[in-house]
Amino acid sequence: TILTDFESGAMKAVSSCWPQSSAHAWFFHLTQNIYRQVQQAGLTTKYGNDEEYAHASRVSLSGVK
């Protein structure tokens, strides 16, 4: 098992170089990146106080469909 950030290129490289291994993304880095983007947009208070907004931010910034 190899842990990577949520980068599709890294995950594909792991599968290509070590086909017997399994690549998993480390959720911690994804959530850190989402919160950093919220801070840069000046939306920290809204993110902290509005659960619906926080959830929508996490879903849209993570690329989850």
PDB file of N, CA and C in Angstrom:
ATOM      1  N   THR A   1       0.844  -1.184   0.000  1.00  0.00           N
ATOM      2  CA  THR A   1       0.000   0.000   0.000  1.00  0.00           C
ATOM      3  C   THR A   1       0.881   1.236   0.000  1.00  0.00           C
ATOM      4  N   ILE A   2       0.582   2.165  -0.883  1.00  0.00           N
ATOM      5  CA  ILE A   2       1.332   3.414  -0.981  1.00  0.00           C
ATOM      6  C   ILE A   2       0.342   4.561  -0.851  1.00  0.00           C
ATOM      7  N   LEU A   3       0.626   5.487   0.060  1.00  0.00           N
ATOM      8  CA  LEU A   3      -0.223   6.660   0.251  1.00  0.00           C
ATOM      9  C   LEU A   3       0.317   7.820  -0.565  1.00  0.00           C
ATOM     10  N   THR A   4      -0.565   8.519  -1.261  1.00  0.00           N
ATOM     11  CA  THR A   4      -0.180   9.699  -2.031  1.00  0.00           C
ATOM     12  C   THR A   4      -1.159  10.824  -1.723  1.00  0.00           C
ATOM     13  N   ASP A   5      -0.817  12.011  -2.176  1.00  0.00           N
ATOM     14  CA  ASP A   5      -1.789  13.092  -2.137  1.00  0.00           C
ATOM     15  C   ASP A   5      -2.827  12.791  -3.216  1.00  0.00           C
ATOM     16  N   PHE A   6      -3.850  13.600  -3.309  1.00  0.00           N
ATOM     17  CA  PHE A   6      -4.901  13.371  -4.298  1.00  0.00           C
ATOM     18  C   PHE A   6      -4.450  13.859  -5.674  1.00  0.00           C
ATOM     19  N   GLU A   7      -3.391  13.277  -6.200  1.00  0.00           N
ATOM     20  CA  GLU A   7      -2.891  13.626  -7.528  1.00  0.00           C
ATOM     21  C   GLU A   7      -3.019  12.392  -8.406  1.00  0.00           C
ATOM     22  N   SER A   8      -3.831  12.501  -9.432  1.00  0.00           N
ATOM     23  CA  SER A   8      -4.075  11.331 -10.275  1.00  0.00           C
ATOM     24  C   SER A   8      -2.795  10.838 -10.941  1.00  0.00           C
ATOM     25  N   GLY A   9      -1.888  11.755 -11.292  1.00  0.00           N
ATOM     26  CA  GLY A   9      -0.628  11.356 -11.916  1.00  0.00           C
ATOM     27  C   GLY A   9       0.216  10.486 -11.002  1.00  0.00           C
ATOM     28  N   ALA A  10       0.288  10.850  -9.740  1.00  0.00           N
ATOM     29  CA  ALA A  10       1.062  10.068  -8.768  1.00  0.00           C
ATOM     30  C   ALA A  10       0.435   8.692  -8.575  1.00  0.00           C
ATOM     31  N   MET A  11      -0.874   8.661  -8.509  1.00  0.00           N
ATOM     32  CA  MET A  11      -1.551   7.374  -8.310  1.00  0.00           C
ATOM     33  C   MET A  11      -1.376   6.464  -9.528  1.00  0.00           C
ATOM     34  N   LYS A  12      -1.407   7.037 -10.723  1.00  0.00           N
ATOM     35  CA  LYS A  12      -1.184   6.250 -11.940  1.00  0.00           C
ATOM     36  C   LYS A  12       0.256   5.750 -12.000  1.00  0.00           C
ATOM     37  N   ALA A  13       1.209   6.598 -11.584  1.00  0.00           N
ATOM     38  CA  ALA A  13       2.617   6.200 -11.592  1.00  0.00           C
ATOM     39  C   ALA A  13       2.857   5.037 -10.636  1.00  0.00           C
ATOM     40  N   VAL A  14       2.244   5.087  -9.469  1.00  0.00           N
ATOM     41  CA  VAL A  14       2.382   3.988  -8.505  1.00  0.00           C
ATOM     42  C   VAL A  14       1.866   2.697  -9.125  1.00  0.00           C
ATOM     43  N   SER A  15       0.699   2.749  -9.730  1.00  0.00           N
ATOM     44  CA  SER A  15       0.117   1.555 -10.350  1.00  0.00           C
ATOM     45  C   SER A  15       0.983   1.031 -11.487  1.00  0.00           C
ATOM     46  N   SER A  16       1.592   1.949 -12.228  1.00  0.00           N
ATOM     47  CA  SER A  16       2.430   1.557 -13.357  1.00  0.00           C
ATOM     48  C   SER A  16       3.758   0.955 -12.900  1.00  0.00           C
ATOM     49  N   CYS A  17       4.399   1.588 -11.916  1.00  0.00           N
ATOM     50  CA  CYS A  17       5.717   1.134 -11.453  1.00  0.00           C
ATOM     51  C   CYS A  17       5.636  -0.088 -10.546  1.00  0.00           C
ATOM     52  N   TRP A  18       4.600  -0.148  -9.740  1.00  0.00           N
ATOM     53  CA  TRP A  18       4.432  -1.240  -8.781  1.00  0.00           C
ATOM     54  C   TRP A  18       3.027  -1.818  -8.922  1.00  0.00           C
ATOM     55  N   PRO A  19       2.788  -2.627  -9.961  1.00  0.00           N
ATOM     56  CA  PRO A  19       1.432  -3.115 -10.224  1.00  0.00           C
ATOM     57  C   PRO A  19       0.840  -3.972  -9.098  1.00  0.00           C
ATOM     58  N   GLN A  20       1.681  -4.576  -8.270  1.00  0.00           N
ATOM     59  CA  GLN A  20       1.173  -5.405  -7.182  1.00  0.00           C
ATOM     60  C   GLN A  20       0.731  -4.568  -5.977  1.00  0.00           C
ATOM     61  N   SER A  21       1.094  -3.294  -5.967  1.00  0.00           N
ATOM     62  CA  SER A  21       0.742  -2.436  -4.829  1.00  0.00           C
ATOM     63  C   SER A  21      -0.623  -1.791  -5.051  1.00  0.00           C
ATOM     64  N   SER A  22      -1.120  -1.188  -4.004  1.00  0.00           N
ATOM     65  CA  SER A  22      -2.359  -0.417  -4.143  1.00  0.00           C
ATOM     66  C   SER A  22      -2.079   1.007  -3.686  1.00  0.00           C
ATOM     67  N   ALA A  23      -2.542   1.964  -4.466  1.00  0.00           N
ATOM     68  CA  ALA A  23      -2.332   3.382  -4.152  1.00  0.00           C
ATOM     69  C   ALA A  23      -3.593   3.931  -3.500  1.00  0.00           C
ATOM     70  N   HIS A  24      -3.407   4.628  -2.401  1.00  0.00           N
ATOM     71  CA  HIS A  24      -4.524   5.256  -1.695  1.00  0.00           C
ATOM     72  C   HIS A  24      -4.196   6.723  -1.483  1.00  0.00           C
ATOM     73  N   ALA A  25      -5.193   7.561  -1.595  1.00  0.00           N
ATOM     74  CA  ALA A  25      -4.999   8.997  -1.381  1.00  0.00           C
ATOM     75  C   ALA A  25      -5.146   9.307   0.109  1.00  0.00           C
ATOM     76  N   TRP A  26      -4.340  10.242   0.573  1.00  0.00           N
ATOM     77  CA  TRP A  26      -4.348  10.630   1.971  1.00  0.00           C
ATOM     78  C   TRP A  26      -5.300  11.801   2.136  1.00  0.00           C
ATOM     79  N   PHE A  27      -6.439  11.573   2.767  1.00  0.00           N
ATOM     80  CA  PHE A  27      -7.515  12.547   2.903  1.00  0.00           C
ATOM     81  C   PHE A  27      -7.079  13.802   3.653  1.00  0.00           C
ATOM     82  N   PHE A  28      -6.118  13.664   4.572  1.00  0.00           N
ATOM     83  CA  PHE A  28      -5.654  14.799   5.376  1.00  0.00           C
ATOM     84  C   PHE A  28      -5.203  15.960   4.496  1.00  0.00           C
ATOM     85  N   HIS A  29      -4.395  15.678   3.469  1.00  0.00           N
ATOM     86  CA  HIS A  29      -3.885  16.745   2.615  1.00  0.00           C
ATOM     87  C   HIS A  29      -4.995  17.401   1.802  1.00  0.00           C
ATOM     88  N   LEU A  30      -5.971  16.623   1.394  1.00  0.00           N
ATOM     89  CA  LEU A  30      -7.097  17.193   0.653  1.00  0.00           C
ATOM     90  C   LEU A  30      -7.853  18.189   1.521  1.00  0.00           C
ATOM     91  N   THR A  31      -8.170  17.807   2.752  1.00  0.00           N
ATOM     92  CA  THR A  31      -8.924  18.717   3.617  1.00  0.00           C
ATOM     93  C   THR A  31      -8.112  19.955   3.969  1.00  0.00           C
ATOM     94  N   GLN A  32      -6.801  19.802   4.137  1.00  0.00           N
ATOM     95  CA  GLN A  32      -5.943  20.974   4.389  1.00  0.00           C
ATOM     96  C   GLN A  32      -6.003  21.940   3.215  1.00  0.00           C
ATOM     97  N   ASN A  33      -5.928  21.409   2.013  1.00  0.00           N
ATOM     98  CA  ASN A  33      -5.951  22.239   0.817  1.00  0.00           C
ATOM     99  C   ASN A  33      -7.293  22.951   0.669  1.00  0.00           C
ATOM    100  N   ILE A  34      -8.380  22.256   0.936  1.00  0.00           N
ATOM    101  CA  ILE A  34      -9.706  22.881   0.854  1.00  0.00           C
ATOM    102  C   ILE A  34      -9.799  24.039   1.835  1.00  0.00           C
ATOM    103  N   TYR A  35      -9.383  23.813   3.084  1.00  0.00           N
ATOM    104  CA  TYR A  35      -9.492  24.877   4.083  1.00  0.00           C
ATOM    105  C   TYR A  35      -8.584  26.059   3.732  1.00  0.00           C
ATOM    106  N   ARG A  36      -7.418  25.793   3.170  1.00  0.00           N
ATOM    107  CA  ARG A  36      -6.511  26.872   2.753  1.00  0.00           C
ATOM    108  C   ARG A  36      -7.173  27.734   1.675  1.00  0.00           C
ATOM    109  N   GLN A  37      -7.874  27.103   0.744  1.00  0.00           N
ATOM    110  CA  GLN A  37      -8.568  27.849  -0.305  1.00  0.00           C
ATOM    111  C   GLN A  37      -9.716  28.678   0.268  1.00  0.00           C
ATOM    112  N   VAL A  38     -10.414  28.139   1.262  1.00  0.00           N
ATOM    113  CA  VAL A  38     -11.479  28.889   1.935  1.00  0.00           C
ATOM    114  C   VAL A  38     -10.891  30.122   2.610  1.00  0.00           C
ATOM    115  N   GLN A  39      -9.752  29.958   3.283  1.00  0.00           N
ATOM    116  CA  GLN A  39      -9.090  31.086   3.951  1.00  0.00           C
ATOM    117  C   GLN A  39      -8.674  32.152   2.939  1.00  0.00           C
ATOM    118  N   GLN A  40      -8.079  31.731   1.833  1.00  0.00           N
ATOM    119  CA  GLN A  40      -7.617  32.683   0.823  1.00  0.00           C
ATOM    120  C   GLN A  40      -8.773  33.462   0.207  1.00  0.00           C
ATOM    121  N   ALA A  41      -9.937  32.859   0.155  1.00  0.00           N
ATOM    122  CA  ALA A  41     -11.114  33.536  -0.397  1.00  0.00           C
ATOM    123  C   ALA A  41     -11.806  34.420   0.641  1.00  0.00           C
ATOM    124  N   GLY A  42     -11.293  34.422   1.879  1.00  0.00           N
ATOM    125  CA  GLY A  42     -11.878  35.249   2.934  1.00  0.00           C
ATOM    126  C   GLY A  42     -13.208  34.722   3.452  1.00  0.00           C
ATOM    127  N   LEU A  43     -13.410  33.414   3.373  1.00  0.00           N
ATOM    128  CA  LEU A  43     -14.692  32.825   3.760  1.00  0.00           C
ATOM    129  C   LEU A  43     -14.598  31.948   5.009  1.00  0.00           C
ATOM    130  N   THR A  44     -13.573  32.158   5.825  1.00  0.00           N
ATOM    131  CA  THR A  44     -13.366  31.326   7.006  1.00  0.00           C
ATOM    132  C   THR A  44     -14.547  31.380   7.968  1.00  0.00           C
ATOM    133  N   THR A  45     -15.076  32.564   8.240  1.00  0.00           N
ATOM    134  CA  THR A  45     -16.198  32.698   9.171  1.00  0.00           C
ATOM    135  C   THR A  45     -17.429  31.975   8.640  1.00  0.00           C
ATOM    136  N   LYS A  46     -17.746  32.184   7.373  1.00  0.00           N
ATOM    137  CA  LYS A  46     -18.907  31.513   6.771  1.00  0.00           C
ATOM    138  C   LYS A  46     -18.715  30.002   6.797  1.00  0.00           C
ATOM    139  N   TYR A  47     -17.526  29.528   6.490  1.00  0.00           N
ATOM    140  CA  TYR A  47     -17.216  28.095   6.487  1.00  0.00           C
ATOM    141  C   TYR A  47     -17.395  27.507   7.886  1.00  0.00           C
ATOM    142  N   GLY A  48     -16.983  28.262   8.900  1.00  0.00           N
ATOM    143  CA  GLY A  48     -17.073  27.779  10.274  1.00  0.00           C
ATOM    144  C   GLY A  48     -18.470  27.841  10.863  1.00  0.00           C
ATOM    145  N   ASN A  49     -19.312  28.740  10.366  1.00  0.00           N
ATOM    146  CA  ASN A  49     -20.639  28.942  10.956  1.00  0.00           C
ATOM    147  C   ASN A  49     -21.794  28.339  10.164  1.00  0.00           C
ATOM    148  N   ASP A  50     -21.578  28.026   8.913  1.00  0.00           N
ATOM    149  CA  ASP A  50     -22.658  27.545   8.044  1.00  0.00           C
ATOM    150  C   ASP A  50     -22.315  26.138   7.547  1.00  0.00           C
ATOM    151  N   GLU A  51     -22.891  25.126   8.186  1.00  0.00           N
ATOM    152  CA  GLU A  51     -22.557  23.738   7.856  1.00  0.00           C
ATOM    153  C   GLU A  51     -22.896  23.383   6.409  1.00  0.00           C
ATOM    154  N   GLU A  52     -23.998  23.892   5.882  1.00  0.00           N
ATOM    155  CA  GLU A  52     -24.349  23.610   4.487  1.00  0.00           C
ATOM    156  C   GLU A  52     -23.309  24.188   3.535  1.00  0.00           C
ATOM    157  N   TYR A  53     -22.848  25.413   3.821  1.00  0.00           N
ATOM    158  CA  TYR A  53     -21.820  26.036   2.989  1.00  0.00           C
ATOM    159  C   TYR A  53     -20.510  25.251   3.087  1.00  0.00           C
ATOM    160  N   ALA A  54     -20.151  24.838   4.305  1.00  0.00           N
ATOM    161  CA  ALA A  54     -18.911  24.082   4.500  1.00  0.00           C
ATOM    162  C   ALA A  54     -18.956  22.778   3.708  1.00  0.00           C
ATOM    163  N   HIS A  55     -20.071  22.087   3.775  1.00  0.00           N
ATOM    164  CA  HIS A  55     -20.205  20.828   3.034  1.00  0.00           C
ATOM    165  C   HIS A  55     -20.124  21.073   1.526  1.00  0.00           C
ATOM    166  N   ALA A  56     -20.827  22.081   1.045  1.00  0.00           N
ATOM    167  CA  ALA A  56     -20.798  22.401  -0.388  1.00  0.00           C
ATOM    168  C   ALA A  56     -19.384  22.759  -0.835  1.00  0.00           C
ATOM    169  N   SER A  57     -18.639  23.472   0.005  1.00  0.00           N
ATOM    170  CA  SER A  57     -17.255  23.830  -0.319  1.00  0.00           C
ATOM    171  C   SER A  57     -16.395  22.586  -0.433  1.00  0.00           C
ATOM    172  N   ARG A  58     -16.522  21.690   0.527  1.00  0.00           N
ATOM    173  CA  ARG A  58     -15.716  20.466   0.506  1.00  0.00           C
ATOM    174  C   ARG A  58     -16.026  19.633  -0.727  1.00  0.00           C
ATOM    175  N   VAL A  59     -17.288  19.514  -1.066  1.00  0.00           N
ATOM    176  CA  VAL A  59     -17.678  18.708  -2.222  1.00  0.00           C
ATOM    177  C   VAL A  59     -17.177  19.342  -3.514  1.00  0.00           C
ATOM    178  N   SER A  60     -17.401  20.641  -3.683  1.00  0.00           N
ATOM    179  CA  SER A  60     -17.014  21.283  -4.944  1.00  0.00           C
ATOM    180  C   SER A  60     -15.503  21.373  -5.106  1.00  0.00           C
ATOM    181  N   LEU A  61     -14.772  21.659  -4.037  1.00  0.00           N
ATOM    182  CA  LEU A  61     -13.322  21.785  -4.148  1.00  0.00           C
ATOM    183  C   LEU A  61     -12.621  20.441  -4.268  1.00  0.00           C
ATOM    184  N   SER A  62     -13.259  19.374  -3.838  1.00  0.00           N
ATOM    185  CA  SER A  62     -12.628  18.058  -3.926  1.00  0.00           C
ATOM    186  C   SER A  62     -12.888  17.387  -5.271  1.00  0.00           C
ATOM    187  N   GLY A  63     -13.828  17.917  -6.033  1.00  0.00           N
ATOM    188  CA  GLY A  63     -14.134  17.324  -7.327  1.00  0.00           C
ATOM    189  C   GLY A  63     -15.070  16.134  -7.234  1.00  0.00           C
ATOM    190  N   VAL A  64     -15.680  15.923  -6.073  1.00  0.00           N
ATOM    191  CA  VAL A  64     -16.624  14.822  -5.896  1.00  0.00           C
ATOM    192  C   VAL A  64     -17.897  15.139  -6.656  1.00  0.00           C
ATOM    193  N   LYS A  65     -18.431  14.169  -7.342  1.00  0.00           N
ATOM    194  CA  LYS A  65     -19.658  14.389  -8.121  1.00  0.00           C
ATOM    195  C   LYS A  65     -20.825  13.727  -7.450  1.00  0.00           C
TER     196      LYS A  65
END
